């Protein structure tokens, strides 16, 4: 219930990503989005999850996640990054 919980969960996801365990990282990023959807970290988590999907060759899933970043967090910095990714990855 701490206000720092989304940050902690992001750090867990990034640790998994650094270890090369993409599935665990994606799961941890998804937890941020589902448990803390109103947190500013939710946009970050969703964007990073989309990038992870793209690196795994899961382009349709990555595109869906990037679309979701733009739709659900339109004023975030991540939405700008997602728009650019969508524009260059058709």
PDB file of N, CA and C in Angstrom:
ATOM      1  N   UNK A   1       0.812  -1.212   0.000  1.00  0.00           N
ATOM      2  CA  UNK A   1       0.000   0.000   0.000  1.00  0.00           C
ATOM      3  C   UNK A   1       0.849   1.268   0.000  1.00  0.00           C
ATOM      4  N   UNK A   2       2.153   1.123   0.056  1.00  0.00           N
ATOM      5  CA  UNK A   2       3.049   2.276   0.068  1.00  0.00           C
ATOM      6  C   UNK A   2       2.992   3.022  -1.256  1.00  0.00           C
ATOM      7  N   UNK A   3       3.178   4.319  -1.183  1.00  0.00           N
ATOM      8  CA  UNK A   3       3.227   5.105  -2.416  1.00  0.00           C
ATOM      9  C   UNK A   3       4.481   4.781  -3.228  1.00  0.00           C
ATOM     10  N   UNK A   4       5.420   4.105  -2.625  1.00  0.00           N
ATOM     11  CA  UNK A   4       6.646   3.704  -3.314  1.00  0.00           C
ATOM     12  C   UNK A   4       6.543   2.329  -3.964  1.00  0.00           C
ATOM     13  N   UNK A   5       5.449   1.659  -3.772  1.00  0.00           N
ATOM     14  CA  UNK A   5       5.286   0.309  -4.318  1.00  0.00           C
ATOM     15  C   UNK A   5       5.464   0.254  -5.835  1.00  0.00           C
ATOM     16  N   UNK A   6       4.890   1.186  -6.608  1.00  0.00           N
ATOM     17  CA  UNK A   6       5.111   1.120  -8.064  1.00  0.00           C
ATOM     18  C   UNK A   6       6.594   1.234  -8.441  1.00  0.00           C
ATOM     19  N   UNK A   7       7.320   2.089  -7.725  1.00  0.00           N
ATOM     20  CA  UNK A   7       8.762   2.223  -7.998  1.00  0.00           C
ATOM     21  C   UNK A   7       9.493   0.925  -7.683  1.00  0.00           C
ATOM     22  N   UNK A   8       9.127   0.308  -6.569  1.00  0.00           N
ATOM     23  CA  UNK A   8       9.764  -0.953  -6.191  1.00  0.00           C
ATOM     24  C   UNK A   8       9.492  -2.025  -7.241  1.00  0.00           C
ATOM     25  N   UNK A   9       8.252  -2.087  -7.715  1.00  0.00           N
ATOM     26  CA  UNK A   9       7.894  -3.093  -8.708  1.00  0.00           C
ATOM     27  C   UNK A   9       8.640  -2.855 -10.021  1.00  0.00           C
ATOM     28  N   UNK A  10       8.800  -1.593 -10.402  1.00  0.00           N
ATOM     29  CA  UNK A  10       9.578  -1.262 -11.612  1.00  0.00           C
ATOM     30  C   UNK A  10      11.018  -1.739 -11.433  1.00  0.00           C
ATOM     31  N   UNK A  11      11.582  -1.505 -10.254  1.00  0.00           N
ATOM     32  CA  UNK A  11      12.958  -1.936  -9.997  1.00  0.00           C
ATOM     33  C   UNK A  11      13.092  -3.449 -10.085  1.00  0.00           C
ATOM     34  N   UNK A  12      12.099  -4.159  -9.613  1.00  0.00           N
ATOM     35  CA  UNK A  12      12.099  -5.627  -9.724  1.00  0.00           C
ATOM     36  C   UNK A  12      12.092  -6.022 -11.203  1.00  0.00           C
ATOM     37  N   UNK A  13      11.229  -5.382 -11.975  1.00  0.00           N
ATOM     38  CA  UNK A  13      11.148  -5.679 -13.411  1.00  0.00           C
ATOM     39  C   UNK A  13      12.481  -5.407 -14.098  1.00  0.00           C
ATOM     40  N   UNK A  14      13.094  -4.294 -13.765  1.00  0.00           N
ATOM     41  CA  UNK A  14      14.358  -3.948 -14.401  1.00  0.00           C
ATOM     42  C   UNK A  14      15.476  -4.906 -13.992  1.00  0.00           C
ATOM     43  N   UNK A  15      15.415  -5.401 -12.769  1.00  0.00           N
ATOM     44  CA  UNK A  15      16.402  -6.403 -12.340  1.00  0.00           C
ATOM     45  C   UNK A  15      16.238  -7.684 -13.156  1.00  0.00           C
ATOM     46  N   UNK A  16      14.998  -8.115 -13.343  1.00  0.00           N
ATOM     47  CA  UNK A  16      14.755  -9.295 -14.179  1.00  0.00           C
ATOM     48  C   UNK A  16      15.249  -9.059 -15.599  1.00  0.00           C
ATOM     49  N   UNK A  17      14.980  -7.882 -16.137  1.00  0.00           N
ATOM     50  CA  UNK A  17      15.418  -7.566 -17.497  1.00  0.00           C
ATOM     51  C   UNK A  17      16.944  -7.604 -17.592  1.00  0.00           C
ATOM     52  N   UNK A  18      17.617  -7.066 -16.594  1.00  0.00           N
ATOM     53  CA  UNK A  18      19.079  -7.060 -16.593  1.00  0.00           C
ATOM     54  C   UNK A  18      19.646  -8.474 -16.518  1.00  0.00           C
ATOM     55  N   UNK A  19      18.919  -9.372 -15.863  1.00  0.00           N
ATOM     56  CA  UNK A  19      19.338 -10.769 -15.778  1.00  0.00           C
ATOM     57  C   UNK A  19      19.033 -11.540 -17.056  1.00  0.00           C
ATOM     58  N   UNK A  20      18.259 -10.932 -17.937  1.00  0.00           N
ATOM     59  CA  UNK A  20      17.901 -11.599 -19.184  1.00  0.00           C
ATOM     60  C   UNK A  20      16.690 -12.490 -19.078  1.00  0.00           C
ATOM     61  N   UNK A  21      15.912 -12.327 -18.032  1.00  0.00           N
ATOM     62  CA  UNK A  21      14.687 -13.124 -17.876  1.00  0.00           C
ATOM     63  C   UNK A  21      13.492 -12.263 -18.291  1.00  0.00           C
ATOM     64  N   UNK A  22      13.308 -12.192 -19.599  1.00  0.00           N
ATOM     65  CA  UNK A  22      12.295 -11.310 -20.173  1.00  0.00           C
ATOM     66  C   UNK A  22      10.889 -11.635 -19.698  1.00  0.00           C
ATOM     67  N   UNK A  23      10.548 -12.898 -19.593  1.00  0.00           N
ATOM     68  CA  UNK A  23       9.189 -13.258 -19.179  1.00  0.00           C
ATOM     69  C   UNK A  23       8.902 -12.755 -17.765  1.00  0.00           C
ATOM     70  N   UNK A  24       9.873 -12.893 -16.877  1.00  0.00           N
ATOM     71  CA  UNK A  24       9.687 -12.403 -15.510  1.00  0.00           C
ATOM     72  C   UNK A  24       9.624 -10.876 -15.488  1.00  0.00           C
ATOM     73  N   UNK A  25      10.449 -10.234 -16.294  1.00  0.00           N
ATOM     74  CA  UNK A  25      10.419  -8.768 -16.374  1.00  0.00           C
ATOM     75  C   UNK A  25       9.066  -8.296 -16.880  1.00  0.00           C
ATOM     76  N   UNK A  26       8.586  -8.932 -17.946  1.00  0.00           N
ATOM     77  CA  UNK A  26       7.285  -8.544 -18.501  1.00  0.00           C
ATOM     78  C   UNK A  26       6.175  -8.719 -17.478  1.00  0.00           C
ATOM     79  N   UNK A  27       6.233  -9.793 -16.719  1.00  0.00           N
ATOM     80  CA  UNK A  27       5.240 -10.036 -15.687  1.00  0.00           C
ATOM     81  C   UNK A  27       5.288  -8.956 -14.608  1.00  0.00           C
ATOM     82  N   UNK A  28       6.490  -8.564 -14.211  1.00  0.00           N
ATOM     83  CA  UNK A  28       6.634  -7.525 -13.195  1.00  0.00           C
ATOM     84  C   UNK A  28       6.173  -6.165 -13.732  1.00  0.00           C
ATOM     85  N   UNK A  29       6.475  -5.867 -14.993  1.00  0.00           N
ATOM     86  CA  UNK A  29       5.978  -4.618 -15.594  1.00  0.00           C
ATOM     87  C   UNK A  29       4.448  -4.636 -15.643  1.00  0.00           C
ATOM     88  N   UNK A  30       3.882  -5.765 -16.037  1.00  0.00           N
ATOM     89  CA  UNK A  30       2.424  -5.881 -16.117  1.00  0.00           C
ATOM     90  C   UNK A  30       1.780  -5.686 -14.745  1.00  0.00           C
ATOM     91  N   UNK A  31       2.453  -6.121 -13.697  1.00  0.00           N
ATOM     92  CA  UNK A  31       1.922  -5.949 -12.339  1.00  0.00           C
ATOM     93  C   UNK A  31       1.804  -4.473 -11.981  1.00  0.00           C
ATOM     94  N   UNK A  32       2.759  -3.678 -12.416  1.00  0.00           N
ATOM     95  CA  UNK A  32       2.681  -2.235 -12.153  1.00  0.00           C
ATOM     96  C   UNK A  32       1.436  -1.658 -12.813  1.00  0.00           C
ATOM     97  N   UNK A  33       1.229  -2.025 -14.067  1.00  0.00           N
ATOM     98  CA  UNK A  33       0.098  -1.490 -14.825  1.00  0.00           C
ATOM     99  C   UNK A  33      -1.230  -1.937 -14.226  1.00  0.00           C
ATOM    100  N   UNK A  34      -1.309  -3.186 -13.816  1.00  0.00           N
ATOM    101  CA  UNK A  34      -2.586  -3.685 -13.293  1.00  0.00           C
ATOM    102  C   UNK A  34      -2.859  -3.248 -11.855  1.00  0.00           C
ATOM    103  N   UNK A  35      -1.826  -3.201 -11.016  1.00  0.00           N
ATOM    104  CA  UNK A  35      -2.025  -2.844  -9.606  1.00  0.00           C
ATOM    105  C   UNK A  35      -2.043  -1.336  -9.351  1.00  0.00           C
ATOM    106  N   UNK A  36      -1.327  -0.593 -10.181  1.00  0.00           N
ATOM    107  CA  UNK A  36      -1.175   0.847  -9.956  1.00  0.00           C
ATOM    108  C   UNK A  36      -1.430   1.637 -11.246  1.00  0.00           C
ATOM    109  N   UNK A  37      -2.589   1.455 -11.866  1.00  0.00           N
ATOM    110  CA  UNK A  37      -2.828   2.077 -13.176  1.00  0.00           C
ATOM    111  C   UNK A  37      -2.812   3.600 -13.165  1.00  0.00           C
ATOM    112  N   UNK A  38      -3.014   4.210 -12.032  1.00  0.00           N
ATOM    113  CA  UNK A  38      -3.019   5.675 -11.958  1.00  0.00           C
ATOM    114  C   UNK A  38      -1.649   6.250 -11.579  1.00  0.00           C
ATOM    115  N   UNK A  39      -0.716   5.386 -11.299  1.00  0.00           N
ATOM    116  CA  UNK A  39       0.638   5.828 -10.967  1.00  0.00           C
ATOM    117  C   UNK A  39       1.346   6.332 -12.223  1.00  0.00           C
ATOM    118  N   UNK A  40       2.156   7.358 -12.088  1.00  0.00           N
ATOM    119  CA  UNK A  40       2.960   7.796 -13.244  1.00  0.00           C
ATOM    120  C   UNK A  40       3.892   6.689 -13.742  1.00  0.00           C
ATOM    121  N   UNK A  41       4.213   5.742 -12.908  1.00  0.00           N
ATOM    122  CA  UNK A  41       5.098   4.635 -13.284  1.00  0.00           C
ATOM    123  C   UNK A  41       4.392   3.623 -14.182  1.00  0.00           C
ATOM    124  N   UNK A  42       3.071   3.651 -14.229  1.00  0.00           N
ATOM    125  CA  UNK A  42       2.335   2.698 -15.068  1.00  0.00           C
ATOM    126  C   UNK A  42       2.673   2.898 -16.540  1.00  0.00           C
ATOM    127  N   UNK A  43       2.751   4.149 -16.967  1.00  0.00           N
ATOM    128  CA  UNK A  43       3.108   4.420 -18.367  1.00  0.00           C
ATOM    129  C   UNK A  43       4.515   3.915 -18.668  1.00  0.00           C
ATOM    130  N   UNK A  44       5.413   4.123 -17.731  1.00  0.00           N
ATOM    131  CA  UNK A  44       6.787   3.648 -17.895  1.00  0.00           C
ATOM    132  C   UNK A  44       6.816   2.135 -18.011  1.00  0.00           C
ATOM    133  N   UNK A  45       6.099   1.473 -17.127  1.00  0.00           N
ATOM    134  CA  UNK A  45       6.077   0.006 -17.120  1.00  0.00           C
ATOM    135  C   UNK A  45       5.501  -0.543 -18.416  1.00  0.00           C
ATOM    136  N   UNK A  46       4.406   0.033 -18.874  1.00  0.00           N
ATOM    137  CA  UNK A  46       3.775  -0.454 -20.098  1.00  0.00           C
ATOM    138  C   UNK A  46       4.689  -0.235 -21.303  1.00  0.00           C
ATOM    139  N   UNK A  47       5.337   0.919 -21.349  1.00  0.00           N
ATOM    140  CA  UNK A  47       6.264   1.206 -22.451  1.00  0.00           C
ATOM    141  C   UNK A  47       7.444   0.239 -22.444  1.00  0.00           C
ATOM    142  N   UNK A  48       8.023   0.015 -21.278  1.00  0.00           N
ATOM    143  CA  UNK A  48       9.172  -0.897 -21.190  1.00  0.00           C
ATOM    144  C   UNK A  48       8.762  -2.329 -21.509  1.00  0.00           C
ATOM    145  N   UNK A  49       7.558  -2.706 -21.126  1.00  0.00           N
ATOM    146  CA  UNK A  49       7.062  -4.034 -21.462  1.00  0.00           C
ATOM    147  C   UNK A  49       6.920  -4.154 -22.988  1.00  0.00           C
ATOM    148  N   UNK A  50       6.427  -3.118 -23.626  1.00  0.00           N
ATOM    149  CA  UNK A  50       6.285  -3.130 -25.085  1.00  0.00           C
ATOM    150  C   UNK A  50       7.645  -3.258 -25.768  1.00  0.00           C
ATOM    151  N   UNK A  51       8.639  -2.527 -25.264  1.00  0.00           N
ATOM    152  CA  UNK A  51       9.984  -2.639 -25.830  1.00  0.00           C
ATOM    153  C   UNK A  51      10.529  -4.052 -25.660  1.00  0.00           C
ATOM    154  N   UNK A  52      10.274  -4.633 -24.514  1.00  0.00           N
ATOM    155  CA  UNK A  52      10.722  -6.004 -24.262  1.00  0.00           C
ATOM    156  C   UNK A  52      10.070  -6.972 -25.251  1.00  0.00           C
ATOM    157  N   UNK A  53       8.785  -6.795 -25.481  1.00  0.00           N
ATOM    158  CA  UNK A  53       8.083  -7.641 -26.440  1.00  0.00           C
ATOM    159  C   UNK A  53       8.690  -7.503 -27.832  1.00  0.00           C
ATOM    160  N   UNK A  54       9.000  -6.281 -28.207  1.00  0.00           N
ATOM    161  CA  UNK A  54       9.600  -6.044 -29.524  1.00  0.00           C
ATOM    162  C   UNK A  54      10.948  -6.752 -29.637  1.00  0.00           C
ATOM    163  N   UNK A  55      11.762  -6.668 -28.580  1.00  0.00           N
ATOM    164  CA  UNK A  55      13.076  -7.337 -28.597  1.00  0.00           C
ATOM    165  C   UNK A  55      12.935  -8.853 -28.691  1.00  0.00           C
ATOM    166  N   UNK A  56      11.826  -9.380 -28.188  1.00  0.00           N
ATOM    167  CA  UNK A  56      11.579 -10.816 -28.233  1.00  0.00           C
ATOM    168  C   UNK A  56      10.974 -11.245 -29.572  1.00  0.00           C
ATOM    169  N   UNK A  57      10.765 -10.293 -30.467  1.00  0.00           N
ATOM    170  CA  UNK A  57      10.173 -10.618 -31.761  1.00  0.00           C
ATOM    171  C   UNK A  57       8.663 -10.693 -31.728  1.00  0.00           C
ATOM    172  N   UNK A  58       8.077 -10.220 -30.669  1.00  0.00           N
ATOM    173  CA  UNK A  58       6.609 -10.239 -30.509  1.00  0.00           C
ATOM    174  C   UNK A  58       6.050  -8.891 -30.954  1.00  0.00           C
ATOM    175  N   UNK A  59       6.258  -8.564 -32.230  1.00  0.00           N
ATOM    176  CA  UNK A  59       5.878  -7.255 -32.759  1.00  0.00           C
ATOM    177  C   UNK A  59       4.390  -6.933 -32.627  1.00  0.00           C
ATOM    178  N   UNK A  60       3.482  -7.841 -32.940  1.00  0.00           N
ATOM    179  CA  UNK A  60       2.057  -7.497 -32.779  1.00  0.00           C
ATOM    180  C   UNK A  60       1.706  -7.156 -31.317  1.00  0.00           C
ATOM    181  N   UNK A  61       2.263  -7.907 -30.380  1.00  0.00           N
ATOM    182  CA  UNK A  61       2.019  -7.623 -28.964  1.00  0.00           C
ATOM    183  C   UNK A  61       2.635  -6.281 -28.576  1.00  0.00           C
ATOM    184  N   UNK A  62       3.822  -6.009 -29.088  1.00  0.00           N
ATOM    185  CA  UNK A  62       4.488  -4.736 -28.802  1.00  0.00           C
ATOM    186  C   UNK A  62       3.661  -3.575 -29.337  1.00  0.00           C
ATOM    187  N   UNK A  63       3.160  -3.733 -30.558  1.00  0.00           N
ATOM    188  CA  UNK A  63       2.325  -2.678 -31.158  1.00  0.00           C
ATOM    189  C   UNK A  63       1.066  -2.436 -30.327  1.00  0.00           C
ATOM    190  N   UNK A  64       0.433  -3.501 -29.872  1.00  0.00           N
ATOM    191  CA  UNK A  64      -0.766  -3.365 -29.041  1.00  0.00           C
ATOM    192  C   UNK A  64      -0.446  -2.631 -27.749  1.00  0.00           C
ATOM    193  N   UNK A  65       0.676  -2.980 -27.131  1.00  0.00           N
ATOM    194  CA  UNK A  65       1.074  -2.316 -25.887  1.00  0.00           C
ATOM    195  C   UNK A  65       1.413  -0.849 -26.132  1.00  0.00           C
ATOM    196  N   UNK A  66       2.098  -0.555 -27.226  1.00  0.00           N
ATOM    197  CA  UNK A  66       2.423   0.842 -27.541  1.00  0.00           C
ATOM    198  C   UNK A  66       1.144   1.642 -27.797  1.00  0.00           C
ATOM    199  N   UNK A  67       0.203   1.053 -28.505  1.00  0.00           N
ATOM    200  CA  UNK A  67      -1.091   1.711 -28.721  1.00  0.00           C
ATOM    201  C   UNK A  67      -1.766   2.009 -27.388  1.00  0.00           C
ATOM    202  N   UNK A  68      -1.648   1.075 -26.480  1.00  0.00           N
ATOM    203  CA  UNK A  68      -2.261   1.240 -25.148  1.00  0.00           C
ATOM    204  C   UNK A  68      -1.583   2.374 -24.376  1.00  0.00           C
ATOM    205  N   UNK A  69      -0.266   2.490 -24.481  1.00  0.00           N
ATOM    206  CA  UNK A  69       0.437   3.602 -23.826  1.00  0.00           C
ATOM    207  C   UNK A  69      -0.133   4.924 -24.331  1.00  0.00           C
ATOM    208  N   UNK A  70      -0.260   5.043 -25.636  1.00  0.00           N
ATOM    209  CA  UNK A  70      -0.766   6.282 -26.244  1.00  0.00           C
ATOM    210  C   UNK A  70      -2.209   6.550 -25.821  1.00  0.00           C
ATOM    211  N   UNK A  71      -3.016   5.518 -25.795  1.00  0.00           N
ATOM    212  CA  UNK A  71      -4.440   5.661 -25.478  1.00  0.00           C
ATOM    213  C   UNK A  71      -4.672   5.953 -23.995  1.00  0.00           C
ATOM    214  N   UNK A  72      -3.993   5.222 -23.107  1.00  0.00           N
ATOM    215  CA  UNK A  72      -4.278   5.329 -21.680  1.00  0.00           C
ATOM    216  C   UNK A  72      -3.462   6.398 -20.963  1.00  0.00           C
ATOM    217  N   UNK A  73      -2.310   6.760 -21.525  1.00  0.00           N
ATOM    218  CA  UNK A  73      -1.428   7.750 -20.887  1.00  0.00           C
ATOM    219  C   UNK A  73      -0.991   8.793 -21.917  1.00  0.00           C
ATOM    220  N   UNK A  74      -1.955   9.456 -22.570  1.00  0.00           N
ATOM    221  CA  UNK A  74      -1.642  10.305 -23.727  1.00  0.00           C
ATOM    222  C   UNK A  74      -0.730  11.494 -23.453  1.00  0.00           C
ATOM    223  N   UNK A  75      -0.664  11.964 -22.235  1.00  0.00           N
ATOM    224  CA  UNK A  75       0.165  13.129 -21.941  1.00  0.00           C
ATOM    225  C   UNK A  75       1.526  12.761 -21.343  1.00  0.00           C
ATOM    226  N   UNK A  76       1.790  11.487 -21.228  1.00  0.00           N
ATOM    227  CA  UNK A  76       3.052  11.049 -20.638  1.00  0.00           C
ATOM    228  C   UNK A  76       4.198  11.155 -21.647  1.00  0.00           C
ATOM    229  N   UNK A  77       5.407  11.229 -21.121  1.00  0.00           N
ATOM    230  CA  UNK A  77       6.587  11.199 -21.991  1.00  0.00           C
ATOM    231  C   UNK A  77       6.651   9.881 -22.753  1.00  0.00           C
ATOM    232  N   UNK A  78       6.207   8.815 -22.091  1.00  0.00           N
ATOM    233  CA  UNK A  78       6.218   7.496 -22.729  1.00  0.00           C
ATOM    234  C   UNK A  78       5.266   7.444 -23.918  1.00  0.00           C
ATOM    235  N   UNK A  79       4.174   8.191 -23.862  1.00  0.00           N
ATOM    236  CA  UNK A  79       3.247   8.236 -25.000  1.00  0.00           C
ATOM    237  C   UNK A  79       3.937   8.844 -26.217  1.00  0.00           C
ATOM    238  N   UNK A  80       4.743   9.876 -25.982  1.00  0.00           N
ATOM    239  CA  UNK A  80       5.506  10.468 -27.097  1.00  0.00           C
ATOM    240  C   UNK A  80       6.480   9.446 -27.680  1.00  0.00           C
ATOM    241  N   UNK A  81       7.157   8.725 -26.803  1.00  0.00           N
ATOM    242  CA  UNK A  81       8.093   7.692 -27.265  1.00  0.00           C
ATOM    243  C   UNK A  81       7.352   6.575 -28.002  1.00  0.00           C
ATOM    244  N   UNK A  82       6.194   6.202 -27.494  1.00  0.00           N
ATOM    245  CA  UNK A  82       5.404   5.145 -28.126  1.00  0.00           C
ATOM    246  C   UNK A  82       4.915   5.585 -29.506  1.00  0.00           C
ATOM    247  N   UNK A  83       4.480   6.829 -29.618  1.00  0.00           N
ATOM    248  CA  UNK A  83       4.050   7.345 -30.927  1.00  0.00           C
ATOM    249  C   UNK A  83       5.194   7.260 -31.933  1.00  0.00           C
ATOM    250  N   UNK A  84       6.377   7.630 -31.495  1.00  0.00           N
ATOM    251  CA  UNK A  84       7.546   7.575 -32.379  1.00  0.00           C
ATOM    252  C   UNK A  84       7.853   6.131 -32.764  1.00  0.00           C
ATOM    253  N   UNK A  85       7.787   5.220 -31.798  1.00  0.00           N
ATOM    254  CA  UNK A  85       8.036   3.806 -32.081  1.00  0.00           C
ATOM    255  C   UNK A  85       7.015   3.287 -33.084  1.00  0.00           C
ATOM    256  N   UNK A  86       5.751   3.627 -32.878  1.00  0.00           N
ATOM    257  CA  UNK A  86       4.691   3.183 -33.797  1.00  0.00           C
ATOM    258  C   UNK A  86       4.910   3.747 -35.194  1.00  0.00           C
ATOM    259  N   UNK A  87       5.358   4.992 -35.274  1.00  0.00           N
ATOM    260  CA  UNK A  87       5.589   5.619 -36.579  1.00  0.00           C
ATOM    261  C   UNK A  87       6.718   4.931 -37.331  1.00  0.00           C
ATOM    262  N   UNK A  88       7.756   4.534 -36.625  1.00  0.00           N
ATOM    263  CA  UNK A  88       8.920   3.954 -37.286  1.00  0.00           C
ATOM    264  C   UNK A  88       8.894   2.423 -37.384  1.00  0.00           C
ATOM    265  N   UNK A  89       7.919   1.796 -36.754  1.00  0.00           N
ATOM    266  CA  UNK A  89       7.829   0.333 -36.756  1.00  0.00           C
ATOM    267  C   UNK A  89       6.462  -0.111 -37.288  1.00  0.00           C
ATOM    268  N   UNK A  90       6.200   0.223 -38.505  1.00  0.00           N
ATOM    269  CA  UNK A  90       4.912  -0.118 -39.127  1.00  0.00           C
ATOM    270  C   UNK A  90       4.861  -1.530 -39.582  1.00  0.00           C
TER     271      UNK A  90
END
